[in-house]
Amino acid sequence: MKAIRVHERGGPEVLIYEDAPRPRLMPGDALVRVYASAITKDELTWDPTYQTANGEPRTPSIPGHEFSGVVEELAPDTELAKVGEEVYGLASFYRDGSAAEFIAIHVDDLAAKPKTLDHVHAAAIPLAALTAWQALFSHAMLTRGQRVLIHGGAGGVGSFAVQMANWAGATVITTAAADNHDFVRQLGAQEVIDYAKVHFEDVVSDVNVVLDTIGGSTLQRSYGVLRQGGTLVSIVEPPSAEKAKAQGIKGEFFIVEPDRTQLEEIGRLIDTGRLRAFVDSVLPIQQARQAFEQGLKGHSRGKIVLRIAG
């Protein structure tokens, strides 16, 4: 098969479009013909891109872990998927990814592709949407009537989080650049703060949940806006346990995990019009290097997606 592979640590310059062996199936796996694969701009800095879960070297390796495609083959005695089924999913970061014509993935990490989306838009969903879902509902336990502050509401994770929090019946406050204010309001934000002109901590208080997608000083300034018993969830760096305890709040940090059940629910929300997926641009797989370079420039509204088939 054709694939994008890395043979050494580096940036986009180490990506090579080349022939690679078709992946072997392990028990419980499906072989999926990949139609589209979204990129994550900083994944070339992740250890799992270059090593196994045990820390052993894992190169050459294939990046890209969220995708949409069609099931080509199943390992013996594998259920939960059917040959010919259109699927989307988030693959393990410690296995070869989806910037290739085929990917081997455990069927527990797959779900039926949303019927209302093409493969390109479906590929833009799994990582960002699962991150937002797990942050809000698995870690912060957000419920109807609560107040949530979402940093970076126009970003990949933030745009899903704004929509999900609105769907859950929360009051949604978000930070965004001025040219994204109309966009995040359309997603369901009731209050939008221009982070370039206003310190959010001067105008926000008494929230139940903060979702931090920025880190650094944004994280440090977020403790004080939470009410007693609130939750600060960061997907960038662990909040200080000491500061959280002093404020009477809970601090959470996590790395997203594949989850079939959550992907199925996200797919239902997509198909009923409660969630929308956004694609910034689409490039052929041969231009993966350009795609990663574009991603590193930042400020894209939606995912950059590699078209692989179809």
Protein backbone atom coordinates (compact mmCIF):
# COMPACT_ATOMS: atom_id res chain seq x y z
CA MET A 1 0.00 0.00 0.00
CA LYS A 2 0.97 3.67 -0.17
CA ALA A 3 1.48 5.48 3.13
CA ILE A 4 3.04 8.47 4.81
CA ARG A 5 5.81 7.27 7.12
CA VAL A 6 8.41 8.72 9.47
CA HIS A 7 11.78 7.02 9.96
CA GLU A 8 13.20 9.45 12.53
CA ARG A 9 12.11 12.19 14.91
CA GLY A 10 11.49 15.57 13.40
CA GLY A 11 8.92 17.89 11.93
CA PRO A 12 7.04 17.79 8.62
CA GLU A 13 10.34 17.42 6.77
CA VAL A 14 10.66 13.78 7.96
CA LEU A 15 7.36 12.70 6.35
CA ILE A 16 7.85 10.42 3.35
CA TYR A 17 5.21 9.19 0.90
CA GLU A 18 6.26 5.64 0.05
CA ASP A 19 5.33 1.99 -0.29
CA ALA A 20 4.64 0.20 2.99
CA PRO A 21 3.45 -3.28 3.95
CA ARG A 22 -0.29 -3.68 4.35
CA PRO A 23 -0.94 -3.90 8.13
CA ARG A 24 -1.38 -7.28 9.80
CA LEU A 25 -4.51 -7.94 11.80
CA MET A 26 -4.37 -8.84 15.48
CA PRO A 27 -7.25 -10.58 17.28
CA GLY A 28 -10.28 -8.30 17.36
CA ASP A 29 -9.00 -6.11 14.52
CA ALA A 30 -10.61 -4.75 11.40
CA LEU A 31 -8.70 -3.78 8.29
CA VAL A 32 -10.15 -0.49 7.04
CA ARG A 33 -9.61 1.05 3.64
CA VAL A 34 -9.00 4.68 4.55
CA TYR A 35 -10.85 7.32 2.54
CA ALA A 36 -9.80 10.35 4.59
CA SER A 37 -7.47 11.00 7.54
CA ALA A 38 -7.28 14.18 9.62
CA ILE A 39 -3.96 15.42 10.93
CA THR A 40 -3.06 16.62 14.41
CA LYS A 41 -0.53 19.41 14.03
CA ASP A 42 1.74 18.46 16.93
CA GLU A 43 1.65 14.67 16.75
CA LEU A 44 5.16 14.52 15.32
CA THR A 45 6.35 15.68 18.76
CA TRP A 46 4.58 12.82 20.59
CA ASP A 47 6.60 9.87 21.94
CA PRO A 48 3.99 7.31 20.74
CA THR A 49 4.71 8.35 17.16
CA TYR A 50 8.18 6.84 17.55
CA GLN A 51 7.86 4.16 20.24
CA THR A 52 5.62 1.45 21.66
CA ALA A 53 3.73 1.62 24.94
CA ASN A 54 6.76 -0.11 26.50
CA GLY A 55 9.11 2.59 25.27
CA GLU A 56 10.69 0.49 22.54
CA PRO A 57 11.51 2.13 19.19
CA ARG A 58 8.66 2.05 16.66
CA THR A 59 9.91 3.31 13.32
CA PRO A 60 9.13 3.51 10.54
CA SER A 61 5.67 4.54 11.71
CA ILE A 62 2.55 6.00 10.13
CA PRO A 63 1.01 9.16 11.64
CA GLY A 64 -2.64 10.21 11.60
CA HIS A 65 -5.09 8.59 14.00
CA GLU A 66 -8.59 9.85 13.17
CA PHE A 67 -10.11 8.72 9.93
CA SER A 68 -13.10 7.54 7.96
CA GLY A 69 -13.27 4.59 5.59
CA VAL A 70 -14.76 1.21 4.74
CA VAL A 71 -14.15 -2.14 6.45
CA GLU A 72 -12.16 -4.35 4.09
CA GLU A 73 -11.45 -7.41 6.24
CA LEU A 74 -11.99 -8.74 9.77
CA ALA A 75 -9.81 -10.91 11.97
CA PRO A 76 -11.36 -14.33 12.74
CA ASP A 77 -14.19 -14.31 15.29
CA THR A 78 -14.34 -10.51 15.24
CA GLU A 79 -17.74 -8.96 15.82
CA LEU A 80 -19.09 -5.36 16.10
CA ALA A 81 -18.16 -4.56 12.48
CA LYS A 82 -19.06 -5.87 9.04
CA VAL A 83 -17.11 -6.03 5.80
CA GLY A 84 -18.30 -3.17 3.58
CA GLU A 85 -19.47 -1.03 6.51
CA GLU A 86 -18.64 2.68 6.45
CA VAL A 87 -16.88 3.52 9.72
CA TYR A 88 -14.92 6.22 11.48
CA GLY A 89 -12.68 6.03 14.50
CA LEU A 90 -9.75 7.05 16.65
CA ALA A 91 -6.83 4.64 16.50
CA SER A 92 -4.40 3.88 19.31
CA PHE A 93 -1.51 6.34 19.34
CA TYR A 94 0.89 3.41 19.84
CA ARG A 95 -0.05 1.73 16.56
CA ASP A 96 0.42 2.80 12.97
CA GLY A 97 -2.08 5.48 12.03
CA SER A 98 -4.38 6.32 9.16
CA ALA A 99 -2.23 8.38 6.77
CA ALA A 100 -2.22 5.32 4.55
CA GLU A 101 -4.44 3.36 2.19
CA PHE A 102 -5.22 0.85 4.98
CA ILE A 103 -5.23 0.81 8.77
CA ALA A 104 -5.55 -2.09 11.21
CA ILE A 105 -7.60 -1.05 14.22
CA HIS A 106 -9.41 -2.83 17.04
CA VAL A 107 -13.15 -2.88 16.32
CA ASP A 108 -13.87 -1.44 19.79
CA ASP A 109 -12.29 1.79 18.50
CA LEU A 110 -14.62 2.00 15.48
CA ALA A 111 -18.20 3.20 15.04
CA ALA A 112 -20.55 3.56 12.10
CA LYS A 113 -19.80 6.71 10.11
CA PRO A 114 -22.45 9.42 10.54
CA LYS A 115 -24.85 8.96 7.63
CA THR A 116 -25.16 12.66 6.91
CA LEU A 117 -21.43 13.24 6.39
CA ASP A 118 -18.96 12.39 3.66
CA HIS A 119 -15.71 10.68 4.59
CA VAL A 120 -13.72 13.95 4.68
CA HIS A 121 -15.97 15.55 7.30
CA ALA A 122 -16.32 12.31 9.27
CA ALA A 123 -12.52 12.06 9.52
CA ALA A 124 -12.44 15.49 11.17
CA ILE A 125 -14.51 14.35 14.16
CA PRO A 126 -13.05 11.56 16.34
CA LEU A 127 -10.08 13.07 18.18
CA ALA A 128 -11.48 16.55 18.82
CA ALA A 129 -15.04 15.42 19.55
CA LEU A 130 -14.00 12.59 21.87
CA THR A 131 -11.65 14.97 23.70
CA ALA A 132 -14.47 17.48 24.22
CA TRP A 133 -16.94 14.77 25.27
CA GLN A 134 -14.58 13.16 27.77
CA ALA A 135 -13.53 16.54 29.20
CA LEU A 136 -17.07 17.75 29.77
CA PHE A 137 -18.92 14.57 30.69
CA SER A 138 -16.38 11.96 31.86
CA HIS A 139 -14.14 14.29 33.89
CA ALA A 140 -16.12 17.46 34.69
CA MET A 141 -19.51 15.68 34.89
CA LEU A 142 -21.20 18.74 33.33
CA THR A 143 -24.98 18.84 33.83
CA ARG A 144 -27.92 20.98 32.74
CA GLY A 145 -28.04 24.42 34.32
CA GLN A 146 -24.34 24.65 35.13
CA ARG A 147 -22.00 27.39 33.90
CA VAL A 148 -18.96 26.43 31.84
CA LEU A 149 -16.03 28.50 30.57
CA ILE A 150 -14.39 27.04 27.48
CA HIS A 151 -11.05 28.51 26.45
CA GLY A 152 -10.48 28.62 22.69
CA GLY A 153 -14.07 28.03 21.60
CA ALA A 154 -13.27 28.36 17.90
CA GLY A 155 -10.55 25.68 17.95
CA GLY A 156 -10.88 22.02 17.10
CA VAL A 157 -11.74 20.77 20.59
CA GLY A 158 -13.31 24.05 21.67
CA SER A 159 -15.82 24.18 18.82
CA PHE A 160 -17.12 20.71 19.71
CA ALA A 161 -17.12 21.55 23.42
CA VAL A 162 -19.23 24.68 22.88
CA GLN A 163 -21.78 22.68 20.89
CA MET A 164 -21.87 19.80 23.39
CA ALA A 165 -22.19 22.05 26.43
CA ASN A 166 -25.04 23.91 24.74
CA TRP A 167 -26.73 20.59 23.89
CA ALA A 168 -26.36 19.52 27.52
CA GLY A 169 -28.21 22.62 28.70
CA ALA A 170 -25.29 24.48 30.26
CA THR A 171 -24.66 28.22 30.10
CA VAL A 172 -21.68 28.49 27.76
CA ILE A 173 -19.01 31.18 28.07
CA THR A 174 -16.00 31.07 25.77
CA THR A 175 -12.88 32.99 24.82
CA ALA A 176 -12.16 33.63 21.16
CA ALA A 177 -10.52 36.10 18.79
CA ALA A 178 -12.78 38.93 17.66
CA ASP A 179 -13.22 37.55 14.14
CA ASN A 180 -14.54 34.27 15.58
CA HIS A 181 -17.24 35.75 17.85
CA ASP A 182 -20.11 35.26 15.40
CA PHE A 183 -18.91 31.73 14.71
CA VAL A 184 -18.87 30.61 18.35
CA ARG A 185 -22.24 32.25 19.01
CA GLN A 186 -23.67 30.18 16.15
CA LEU A 187 -22.26 27.11 17.88
CA GLY A 188 -24.18 27.95 21.06
CA ALA A 189 -21.99 30.26 23.17
CA GLN A 190 -24.10 32.70 25.18
CA GLU A 191 -21.17 34.90 26.21
CA VAL A 192 -17.97 35.49 24.23
CA ILE A 193 -14.82 37.19 25.52
CA ASP A 194 -12.18 38.71 23.25
CA TYR A 195 -9.05 37.33 24.90
CA ALA A 196 -6.88 39.94 23.14
CA LYS A 197 -8.69 42.83 24.83
CA VAL A 198 -10.23 41.46 28.04
CA HIS A 199 -8.81 39.40 30.90
CA PHE A 200 -11.46 36.72 31.29
CA GLU A 201 -10.91 36.55 35.05
CA ASP A 202 -12.06 40.19 35.31
CA VAL A 203 -15.50 39.43 33.84
CA VAL A 204 -16.15 35.76 34.66
CA SER A 205 -16.81 34.19 38.06
CA ASP A 206 -18.78 31.46 39.77
CA VAL A 207 -18.55 28.87 36.99
CA ASN A 208 -18.92 25.16 37.60
CA VAL A 209 -16.47 24.00 34.94
CA VAL A 210 -13.48 25.41 33.08
CA LEU A 211 -12.18 23.57 30.01
CA ASP A 212 -8.61 24.68 29.26
CA THR A 213 -7.34 24.03 25.73
CA ILE A 214 -4.55 26.63 25.93
CA GLY A 215 -2.39 25.97 29.00
CA GLY A 216 0.23 28.32 30.42
CA SER A 217 -1.04 31.58 31.88
CA THR A 218 -4.59 30.81 30.73
CA LEU A 219 -4.60 27.75 32.97
CA GLN A 220 -3.02 29.64 35.86
CA ARG A 221 -5.63 32.41 35.70
CA SER A 222 -8.53 29.95 35.59
CA TYR A 223 -8.52 28.73 39.20
CA GLY A 224 -10.15 31.87 40.59
CA VAL A 225 -13.18 31.91 38.29
CA LEU A 226 -14.51 28.60 39.62
CA ARG A 227 -17.00 28.25 42.41
CA GLN A 228 -16.31 25.97 45.38
CA GLY A 229 -16.50 22.35 44.25
CA GLY A 230 -16.00 23.25 40.59
CA THR A 231 -13.76 21.42 38.14
CA LEU A 232 -10.84 22.68 36.08
CA VAL A 233 -10.10 20.30 33.20
CA SER A 234 -7.01 20.82 31.05
CA ILE A 235 -6.06 18.89 27.94
CA VAL A 236 -2.66 20.65 27.82
CA GLU A 237 -1.00 20.22 31.22
CA PRO A 238 -1.92 18.96 34.70
CA PRO A 239 -3.43 21.64 36.97
CA SER A 240 -1.60 22.21 40.25
CA ALA A 241 -3.02 19.93 42.95
CA GLU A 242 -1.99 22.45 45.61
CA LYS A 243 -3.72 25.37 43.91
CA ALA A 244 -6.82 23.31 43.27
CA LYS A 245 -7.02 22.24 46.91
CA ALA A 246 -6.51 25.82 48.10
CA GLN A 247 -9.37 27.00 45.89
CA GLY A 248 -11.65 24.14 46.92
CA ILE A 249 -11.91 22.84 43.37
CA LYS A 250 -10.96 19.70 41.46
CA GLY A 251 -8.15 19.74 38.87
CA GLU A 252 -8.14 17.20 36.03
CA PHE A 253 -5.77 16.41 33.17
CA PHE A 254 -6.28 13.57 30.69
CA ILE A 255 -5.32 12.22 27.29
CA VAL A 256 -8.20 11.27 25.04
CA GLU A 257 -8.98 7.58 24.61
CA PRO A 258 -10.84 5.79 21.81
CA ASP A 259 -14.42 4.95 22.79
CA ARG A 260 -16.93 3.25 20.49
CA THR A 261 -19.99 4.08 22.61
CA GLN A 262 -19.13 7.77 22.75
CA LEU A 263 -18.43 7.85 19.00
CA GLU A 264 -21.85 6.32 18.39
CA GLU A 265 -23.53 9.02 20.49
CA ILE A 266 -21.51 11.73 18.75
CA GLY A 267 -22.59 10.27 15.41
CA ARG A 268 -26.25 10.44 16.45
CA LEU A 269 -25.84 14.08 17.44
CA ILE A 270 -24.21 14.78 14.07
CA ASP A 271 -27.02 13.06 12.16
CA THR A 272 -29.74 14.91 14.10
CA GLY A 273 -28.09 18.26 13.46
CA ARG A 274 -27.03 18.95 17.05
CA LEU A 275 -23.31 18.86 16.24
CA ARG A 276 -21.42 20.13 13.21
CA ALA A 277 -17.95 19.20 12.01
CA PHE A 278 -15.66 21.74 10.37
CA VAL A 279 -12.96 21.17 7.78
CA ASP A 280 -10.43 23.91 7.10
CA SER A 281 -8.85 22.38 4.01
CA VAL A 282 -8.40 19.10 2.14
CA LEU A 283 -5.13 17.95 0.57
CA PRO A 284 -4.17 14.71 -1.20
CA ILE A 285 -2.15 12.26 0.86
CA GLN A 286 0.93 13.02 -1.24
CA GLN A 287 0.89 16.53 0.26
CA ALA A 288 0.99 15.42 3.91
CA ARG A 289 4.13 17.46 4.52
CA GLN A 290 2.36 20.63 3.36
CA ALA A 291 -0.66 19.73 5.48
CA PHE A 292 1.43 19.49 8.65
CA GLU A 293 3.27 22.71 7.80
CA GLN A 294 -0.08 24.45 7.35
CA GLY A 295 -1.32 23.04 10.66
CA LEU A 296 1.70 24.34 12.55
CA LYS A 297 0.88 27.88 11.42
CA GLY A 298 -2.25 27.64 13.59
CA HIS A 299 -5.54 29.55 13.62
CA SER A 300 -7.34 27.22 11.23
CA ARG A 301 -11.08 26.88 11.75
CA GLY A 302 -11.61 23.14 11.58
CA LYS A 303 -9.41 20.21 10.69
CA ILE A 304 -6.92 19.76 7.89
CA VAL A 305 -7.79 16.48 6.17
CA LEU A 306 -5.84 14.21 3.84
CA ARG A 307 -7.92 12.67 1.06
CA ILE A 308 -6.73 9.14 0.46
CA ALA A 309 -9.41 7.38 -1.61
CA GLY A 310 -12.74 8.14 -3.26
